[in-house]
């Protein structure tokens, strides 16, 4: 969102922008000066209701949200869905959650004449029938589609789409401004963890087993880091459950190494992208699971190892010249991770320069996309709402 907002405020100041999203309305107004319509009607009752009343209100809200969303879309000339895995289902999700919401956005645009753009989004083959139907209908209703990597475009082709008019551009996060490169302390390592229970709905029956194995292996790797002379900063992503995983790993390592100085390992809280940048800047090497934790590390030109939960991680790492430093979160090997880490240490300077070149190219490609997008959605200059 920040990348899209920065472009239009600079290049198209005539455009009037507001937001529909799941974030706090007050924060949108305070940080970005934007009016924010809650994505879900039920948000006003979240954390305040439980039991049968909560179930009833959530069900009622699904019906209300169809009309709320359609009305909001109709009031705009164009709607942009910026990035993220809009056309994939690589993490557990219910079809009546975000997939349904996004379908209503795009279908409403098609019915009312509002152009809806899916910009640098991720896409995958989806096995669940209803989720796949919603996702396919969403993509067909969009007026503009671009993907954050070639694998996403190929997935859409395999799903039966004519992709001849679609384009591949970098992830929008590559357009977010970052501070000047800071090499950081090579002995200070960031380990980004996740409350990982599997890659998609197919893993649900083994979720607890997958989670336990993931936490155990990250804990073993973290012990190796401190035993080999590295200080460690664990951090999560956008879920309080990530923080619980980080806290548990810190407690386990300290219990196993009671003589370890407390400053050598800690769990850090991050609540925004700006806070994540501040946390990662002084670090030397990053090992992470959450997609945008990996993205942020790459943008900061930090040599990075990825423990990804879908094919998009392998694609991202390869595009940045780090294809040898990726493993799947659900089955990664600790000994191999140690070897990969040691290789990154040896090649630290070369990898940093390589990432710097790739970041510059990605930023230029995104600007080119916005020029095309602006003309496609809004045409010539004048007053428009987005």
Protein backbone atom coordinates (compact mmCIF):
# COMPACT_ATOMS: atom_id res chain seq x y z
CA UNK A 1 0.00 0.00 0.00
CA UNK A 2 2.82 2.43 0.86
CA UNK A 3 4.43 1.84 -2.54
CA UNK A 4 1.20 2.52 -4.43
CA UNK A 5 0.39 5.53 -2.28
CA UNK A 6 3.83 7.07 -2.77
CA UNK A 7 3.60 6.81 -6.56
CA UNK A 8 0.15 8.35 -6.92
CA UNK A 9 0.83 11.15 -4.45
CA UNK A 10 3.94 12.06 -6.40
CA UNK A 11 2.90 11.43 -10.01
CA UNK A 12 -0.90 11.87 -9.82
CA UNK A 13 -1.75 14.38 -7.07
CA UNK A 14 -5.16 14.84 -8.71
CA UNK A 15 -6.21 11.40 -7.49
CA UNK A 16 -8.32 11.25 -4.31
CA UNK A 17 -7.43 8.11 -2.32
CA UNK A 18 -9.13 6.23 0.49
CA UNK A 19 -8.81 2.68 1.81
CA UNK A 20 -10.88 -0.37 2.68
CA UNK A 21 -8.82 -2.65 4.88
CA UNK A 22 -8.49 -4.75 7.98
CA UNK A 23 -6.17 -2.32 9.77
CA UNK A 24 -7.12 0.23 12.38
CA UNK A 25 -8.87 3.29 10.90
CA UNK A 26 -7.13 5.60 13.37
CA UNK A 27 -3.70 4.44 12.28
CA UNK A 28 -4.52 4.98 8.60
CA UNK A 29 -5.59 8.54 9.36
CA UNK A 30 -2.64 9.29 11.66
CA UNK A 31 0.15 7.77 9.55
CA UNK A 32 -1.11 8.22 5.99
CA UNK A 33 -3.89 10.80 6.14
CA UNK A 34 -6.34 8.30 4.63
CA UNK A 35 -9.96 7.55 5.45
CA UNK A 36 -10.31 3.81 6.08
CA UNK A 37 -13.48 1.77 5.78
CA UNK A 38 -13.29 -1.48 7.81
CA UNK A 39 -13.00 -4.54 5.58
CA UNK A 40 -15.45 -6.49 7.74
CA UNK A 41 -18.58 -5.29 9.51
CA UNK A 42 -17.81 -7.65 12.40
CA UNK A 43 -14.55 -5.83 13.18
CA UNK A 44 -16.38 -3.51 15.57
CA UNK A 45 -17.28 -6.52 17.76
CA UNK A 46 -13.96 -8.38 17.53
CA UNK A 47 -12.39 -9.04 20.96
CA UNK A 48 -15.70 -8.07 22.58
CA UNK A 49 -17.91 -11.03 21.67
CA UNK A 50 -17.55 -14.79 22.08
CA UNK A 51 -19.59 -17.98 21.96
CA UNK A 52 -22.92 -18.20 20.13
CA UNK A 53 -23.43 -14.41 19.83
CA UNK A 54 -20.05 -14.09 18.09
CA UNK A 55 -20.87 -16.90 15.65
CA UNK A 56 -24.24 -15.32 14.87
CA UNK A 57 -22.77 -11.85 14.30
CA UNK A 58 -19.98 -13.21 12.08
CA UNK A 59 -22.56 -15.04 9.94
CA UNK A 60 -24.74 -11.93 9.78
CA UNK A 61 -21.72 -9.87 8.88
CA UNK A 62 -20.95 -11.98 5.81
CA UNK A 63 -24.26 -10.95 4.27
CA UNK A 64 -23.90 -7.32 5.31
CA UNK A 65 -20.35 -7.17 3.95
CA UNK A 66 -21.48 -8.05 0.43
CA UNK A 67 -23.59 -4.88 0.26
CA UNK A 68 -21.06 -2.73 2.16
CA UNK A 69 -18.23 -3.75 -0.14
CA UNK A 70 -20.26 -3.35 -3.34
CA UNK A 71 -21.37 0.12 -2.26
CA UNK A 72 -17.80 1.15 -1.46
CA UNK A 73 -16.46 -0.11 -4.79
CA UNK A 74 -19.22 1.66 -6.75
CA UNK A 75 -18.17 5.06 -5.37
CA UNK A 76 -14.72 4.85 -6.99
CA UNK A 77 -13.27 5.19 -10.48
CA UNK A 78 -10.72 2.48 -9.74
CA UNK A 79 -9.73 0.10 -6.95
CA UNK A 80 -6.20 -1.26 -6.54
CA UNK A 81 -5.48 -4.51 -4.70
CA UNK A 82 -1.77 -4.08 -3.91
CA UNK A 83 0.39 -7.18 -3.82
CA UNK A 84 0.17 -10.11 -1.39
CA UNK A 85 -1.06 -13.60 -2.24
CA UNK A 86 -4.41 -12.49 -3.62
CA UNK A 87 -4.75 -15.48 -5.97
CA UNK A 88 -3.17 -18.20 -3.87
CA UNK A 89 -4.04 -20.35 -0.88
CA UNK A 90 -0.64 -21.30 0.52
CA UNK A 91 -1.64 -20.74 4.14
CA UNK A 92 -4.77 -22.11 5.85
CA UNK A 93 -7.72 -19.94 4.84
CA UNK A 94 -11.47 -20.38 4.63
CA UNK A 95 -13.14 -19.57 1.30
CA UNK A 96 -15.73 -17.39 3.01
CA UNK A 97 -12.98 -15.18 4.47
CA UNK A 98 -10.68 -13.06 2.31
CA UNK A 99 -11.25 -15.07 -0.92
CA UNK A 100 -14.96 -14.21 -0.77
CA UNK A 101 -14.25 -10.57 0.07
CA UNK A 102 -11.89 -10.18 -2.88
CA UNK A 103 -14.41 -11.82 -5.20
CA UNK A 104 -17.06 -9.32 -4.12
CA UNK A 105 -14.64 -6.42 -4.77
CA UNK A 106 -13.84 -7.55 -8.31
CA UNK A 107 -17.37 -8.66 -9.18
CA UNK A 108 -18.77 -5.35 -7.92
CA UNK A 109 -16.27 -3.51 -10.09
CA UNK A 110 -17.31 -5.45 -13.16
CA UNK A 111 -21.02 -4.79 -12.47
CA UNK A 112 -20.68 -1.08 -11.67
CA UNK A 113 -17.96 -0.09 -14.15
CA UNK A 114 -15.26 0.48 -11.53
CA UNK A 115 -11.91 -0.81 -12.76
CA UNK A 116 -10.30 -3.20 -10.25
CA UNK A 117 -6.57 -3.91 -10.59
CA UNK A 118 -4.72 -6.85 -9.04
CA UNK A 119 -1.19 -5.43 -8.90
CA UNK A 120 1.94 -7.58 -8.46
CA UNK A 121 -0.07 -10.30 -6.71
CA UNK A 122 0.90 -13.88 -6.00
CA UNK A 123 -0.91 -16.84 -7.57
CA UNK A 124 -0.77 -20.60 -7.13
CA UNK A 125 -2.66 -23.71 -8.16
CA UNK A 126 -5.54 -24.06 -5.66
CA UNK A 127 -6.86 -27.54 -4.86
CA UNK A 128 -9.94 -26.71 -2.79
CA UNK A 129 -12.83 -26.52 -5.24
CA UNK A 130 -14.86 -23.58 -3.85
CA UNK A 131 -11.76 -21.53 -3.01
CA UNK A 132 -10.46 -22.16 -6.53
CA UNK A 133 -13.79 -21.10 -8.08
CA UNK A 134 -13.83 -17.86 -6.08
CA UNK A 135 -10.22 -17.10 -6.99
CA UNK A 136 -10.77 -17.80 -10.69
CA UNK A 137 -13.89 -15.63 -10.76
CA UNK A 138 -12.00 -12.86 -8.98
CA UNK A 139 -9.21 -12.88 -11.55
CA UNK A 140 -11.62 -12.90 -14.49
CA UNK A 141 -13.53 -9.91 -13.13
CA UNK A 142 -10.39 -7.78 -12.68
CA UNK A 143 -9.66 -5.09 -15.26
CA UNK A 144 -5.88 -5.42 -14.79
CA UNK A 145 -3.67 -8.27 -13.59
CA UNK A 146 0.04 -8.38 -12.90
CA UNK A 147 2.06 -10.90 -10.91
CA UNK A 148 5.03 -10.66 -8.57
CA UNK A 149 6.91 -13.54 -10.24
CA UNK A 150 6.90 -15.74 -13.33
CA UNK A 151 5.64 -18.77 -11.39
CA UNK A 152 2.46 -16.90 -10.49
CA UNK A 153 1.78 -16.10 -14.13
CA UNK A 154 2.45 -19.72 -15.08
CA UNK A 155 0.06 -20.91 -12.35
CA UNK A 156 -2.70 -18.73 -13.82
CA UNK A 157 -2.02 -20.11 -17.29
CA UNK A 158 -2.39 -23.63 -15.92
CA UNK A 159 -5.64 -22.56 -14.28
CA UNK A 160 -7.00 -21.87 -17.76
CA UNK A 161 -6.44 -18.11 -18.09
CA UNK A 162 -5.34 -16.26 -21.18
CA UNK A 163 -2.32 -14.50 -19.71
CA UNK A 164 -1.14 -12.88 -22.94
CA UNK A 165 -2.16 -9.45 -21.67
CA UNK A 166 -0.83 -9.95 -18.15
CA UNK A 167 2.61 -8.88 -16.98
CA UNK A 168 5.20 -9.87 -14.36
CA UNK A 169 6.65 -7.15 -12.15
CA UNK A 170 8.56 -7.30 -8.84
CA UNK A 171 6.85 -7.50 -5.47
CA UNK A 172 5.55 -4.06 -4.48
CA UNK A 173 7.62 -4.11 -1.30
CA UNK A 174 10.66 -3.44 -3.49
CA UNK A 175 9.26 0.06 -4.00
CA UNK A 176 9.19 0.99 -0.31
CA UNK A 177 11.98 3.47 0.57
CA UNK A 178 14.69 2.04 2.80
CA UNK A 179 17.52 3.66 4.75
CA UNK A 180 21.08 3.58 3.36
CA UNK A 181 22.77 0.21 3.48
CA UNK A 182 24.18 -0.71 6.87
CA UNK A 183 26.48 -3.77 6.91
CA UNK A 184 25.55 -4.63 10.47
CA UNK A 185 27.39 -6.89 12.86
CA UNK A 186 28.27 -10.21 11.13
CA UNK A 187 27.97 -11.97 14.51
CA UNK A 188 24.48 -10.57 15.17
CA UNK A 189 21.88 -12.81 13.49
CA UNK A 190 18.15 -12.31 13.06
CA UNK A 191 15.90 -15.37 13.17
CA UNK A 192 12.38 -14.64 11.98
CA UNK A 193 9.89 -17.24 13.18
CA UNK A 194 6.28 -18.02 12.47
CA UNK A 195 3.45 -19.88 14.12
CA UNK A 196 3.76 -22.36 11.28
CA UNK A 197 1.22 -25.20 11.07
CA UNK A 198 1.57 -26.21 7.44
CA UNK A 199 1.43 -24.71 4.01
CA UNK A 200 -2.27 -25.03 3.14
CA UNK A 201 -5.55 -26.71 4.05
CA UNK A 202 -4.20 -30.10 2.98
CA UNK A 203 -1.86 -30.02 6.00
CA UNK A 204 -4.61 -29.38 8.54
CA UNK A 205 -4.78 -32.99 9.79
CA UNK A 206 -1.05 -32.86 10.67
CA UNK A 207 -0.93 -29.25 11.82
CA UNK A 208 0.24 -29.86 15.40
CA UNK A 209 2.91 -32.33 14.28
CA UNK A 210 4.20 -29.91 11.64
CA UNK A 211 4.29 -27.06 14.13
CA UNK A 212 6.16 -29.04 16.78
CA UNK A 213 8.79 -30.20 14.27
CA UNK A 214 9.28 -26.67 12.95
CA UNK A 215 9.76 -25.15 16.41
CA UNK A 216 12.12 -27.95 17.48
CA UNK A 217 14.36 -27.50 14.44
CA UNK A 218 14.48 -23.71 14.68
CA UNK A 219 15.38 -24.12 18.37
CA UNK A 220 18.22 -26.51 17.51
CA UNK A 221 19.55 -24.14 14.87
CA UNK A 222 19.36 -21.22 17.31
CA UNK A 223 21.36 -23.21 19.86
CA UNK A 224 24.00 -23.84 17.21
CA UNK A 225 24.17 -20.12 16.49
CA UNK A 226 24.87 -19.15 20.10
CA UNK A 227 27.27 -22.07 20.55
CA UNK A 228 29.24 -20.87 17.52
CA UNK A 229 29.63 -17.35 18.86
CA UNK A 230 26.62 -15.53 17.36
CA UNK A 231 24.18 -13.28 19.17
CA UNK A 232 20.58 -13.87 18.11
CA UNK A 233 17.51 -11.65 17.78
CA UNK A 234 14.30 -13.62 17.26
CA UNK A 235 11.28 -11.85 15.82
CA UNK A 236 7.88 -12.71 14.40
CA UNK A 237 5.49 -11.21 11.92
CA UNK A 238 1.91 -10.01 12.00
CA UNK A 239 0.59 -12.49 14.55
CA UNK A 240 0.81 -12.58 18.34
CA UNK A 241 1.30 -16.33 17.96
CA UNK A 242 4.62 -15.67 16.20
CA UNK A 243 5.74 -13.82 19.32
CA UNK A 244 4.81 -16.80 21.47
CA UNK A 245 6.98 -19.04 19.29
CA UNK A 246 9.90 -16.59 19.59
CA UNK A 247 9.49 -16.40 23.37
CA UNK A 248 9.39 -20.18 23.67
CA UNK A 249 12.58 -20.64 21.64
CA UNK A 250 14.41 -18.04 23.73
CA UNK A 251 13.28 -19.77 26.94
CA UNK A 252 14.37 -23.19 25.63
CA UNK A 253 17.82 -21.94 24.59
CA UNK A 254 18.38 -20.18 27.90
CA UNK A 255 17.31 -23.29 29.82
CA UNK A 256 19.71 -25.45 27.79
CA UNK A 257 22.53 -22.90 28.13
CA UNK A 258 22.10 -21.53 31.68
CA UNK A 259 25.50 -19.80 31.64
CA UNK A 260 24.66 -17.84 28.47
CA UNK A 261 24.74 -14.06 28.88
CA UNK A 262 21.17 -12.78 28.58
CA UNK A 263 22.22 -10.22 25.95
CA UNK A 264 23.14 -12.98 23.51
CA UNK A 265 19.55 -13.98 22.72
CA UNK A 266 16.28 -12.08 22.86
CA UNK A 267 12.81 -11.99 21.32
CA UNK A 268 11.84 -8.67 19.73
CA UNK A 269 8.35 -7.31 19.04
CA UNK A 270 7.66 -5.61 15.71
CA UNK A 271 4.31 -4.04 14.86
CA UNK A 272 5.00 -2.34 11.53
CA UNK A 273 7.25 -2.44 8.50
CA UNK A 274 9.15 0.59 9.80
CA UNK A 275 9.84 -1.21 13.08
CA UNK A 276 10.99 -4.28 11.15
CA UNK A 277 13.49 -2.20 9.16
CA UNK A 278 14.79 -0.66 12.39
CA UNK A 279 15.23 -4.11 13.93
CA UNK A 280 16.97 -5.69 10.93
CA UNK A 281 19.31 -2.84 9.97
CA UNK A 282 22.05 -3.56 12.57
CA UNK A 283 21.97 -7.32 11.91
CA UNK A 284 24.51 -9.11 9.74
CA UNK A 285 22.57 -12.16 8.46
CA UNK A 286 18.84 -12.99 8.48
CA UNK A 287 17.10 -16.38 8.61
CA UNK A 288 13.32 -16.02 8.25
CA UNK A 289 10.03 -17.76 7.51
CA UNK A 290 7.43 -15.02 7.03
CA UNK A 291 7.40 -13.85 3.42
CA UNK A 292 7.64 -10.16 4.14
CA UNK A 293 10.32 -10.68 6.75
CA UNK A 294 12.37 -12.28 3.98
CA UNK A 295 11.39 -9.44 1.63
CA UNK A 296 12.47 -6.76 4.10
CA UNK A 297 15.82 -8.45 4.68
CA UNK A 298 16.45 -8.63 0.94
CA UNK A 299 15.53 -4.97 0.48
CA UNK A 300 18.05 -4.05 3.15
CA UNK A 301 20.66 -6.07 1.20
CA UNK A 302 21.11 -8.43 4.14
CA UNK A 303 22.38 -11.89 3.14
CA UNK A 304 19.32 -14.01 3.85
CA UNK A 305 18.32 -17.64 4.29
CA UNK A 306 14.67 -18.47 3.68
CA UNK A 307 12.58 -21.19 5.32
CA UNK A 308 9.59 -20.73 3.05
CA UNK A 309 6.12 -22.25 3.03
CA UNK A 310 5.42 -22.06 -0.72
CA UNK A 311 7.06 -21.93 -4.12
CA UNK A 312 7.08 -18.12 -4.07
CA UNK A 313 10.01 -18.17 -1.63
CA UNK A 314 12.20 -20.19 -3.97
CA UNK A 315 11.30 -17.86 -6.84
CA UNK A 316 12.01 -14.72 -4.82
CA UNK A 317 15.34 -16.02 -3.56
CA UNK A 318 16.40 -17.13 -7.05
CA UNK A 319 15.46 -13.74 -8.51
CA UNK A 320 17.73 -12.10 -5.92
CA UNK A 321 20.60 -14.49 -6.69
CA UNK A 322 20.13 -16.44 -3.45
CA UNK A 323 18.53 -19.59 -4.83
CA UNK A 324 20.98 -21.83 -2.97
CA UNK A 325 19.84 -20.50 0.40
CA UNK A 326 16.22 -21.60 0.54
CA UNK A 327 14.55 -24.59 2.23
CA UNK A 328 10.89 -25.51 2.85
CA UNK A 329 9.69 -24.63 6.34
CA UNK A 330 7.86 -27.93 6.72
CA UNK A 331 10.82 -30.19 6.02
CA UNK A 332 14.04 -28.22 6.34
CA UNK A 333 17.20 -29.97 7.47
CA UNK A 334 19.11 -28.35 10.34
CA UNK A 335 22.53 -29.63 9.26
CA UNK A 336 21.99 -28.30 5.74
CA UNK A 337 20.83 -24.97 7.18
CA UNK A 338 24.06 -24.75 9.17
CA UNK A 339 26.09 -25.41 6.00
CA UNK A 340 24.10 -22.81 4.08
CA UNK A 341 24.64 -20.28 6.87
CA UNK A 342 28.39 -20.88 6.83
CA UNK A 343 28.43 -20.39 3.05
CA UNK A 344 26.58 -17.09 3.42
CA UNK A 345 29.16 -15.94 5.95
CA UNK A 346 31.96 -16.65 3.46
CA UNK A 347 30.22 -14.84 0.59
CA UNK A 348 28.71 -12.01 2.62
CA UNK A 349 30.24 -9.06 0.71
CA UNK A 350 29.57 -10.48 -2.78
CA UNK A 351 25.97 -11.33 -1.92
CA UNK A 352 25.37 -7.84 -0.55
CA UNK A 353 26.58 -6.17 -3.75
CA UNK A 354 24.48 -8.55 -5.85
CA UNK A 355 21.33 -7.71 -3.88
CA UNK A 356 22.01 -4.00 -4.23
CA UNK A 357 22.00 -4.33 -8.05
CA UNK A 358 18.81 -6.44 -8.04
CA UNK A 359 17.01 -3.98 -5.75
CA UNK A 360 17.80 -1.06 -8.07
CA UNK A 361 16.46 -2.98 -11.08
CA UNK A 362 13.28 -3.97 -9.23
CA UNK A 363 12.54 -0.39 -8.19
CA UNK A 364 12.84 0.80 -11.80
CA UNK A 365 10.53 -1.98 -13.04
CA UNK A 366 7.88 -1.02 -10.49
CA UNK A 367 7.93 2.61 -11.60
CA UNK A 368 7.37 1.45 -15.18
CA UNK A 369 4.39 -0.61 -14.02
CA UNK A 370 2.80 2.35 -12.27
CA UNK A 371 3.03 4.43 -15.42
CA UNK A 372 1.13 1.72 -17.31
CA UNK A 373 -1.33 1.22 -14.44
CA UNK A 374 -2.10 4.91 -14.12
CA UNK A 375 -2.92 5.21 -17.81
CA UNK A 376 -4.96 1.98 -17.81
CA UNK A 377 -7.11 2.89 -14.82
CA UNK A 378 -7.38 6.66 -15.00
CA UNK A 379 -6.31 7.81 -18.45
CA UNK A 380 -5.56 11.52 -18.71
CA UNK A 381 -5.29 13.89 -15.80
CA UNK A 382 -8.38 15.02 -13.89
CA UNK A 383 -10.11 14.36 -10.60
CA UNK A 384 -10.40 10.65 -9.81
CA UNK A 385 -11.21 8.57 -6.75
CA UNK A 386 -9.35 5.39 -5.81
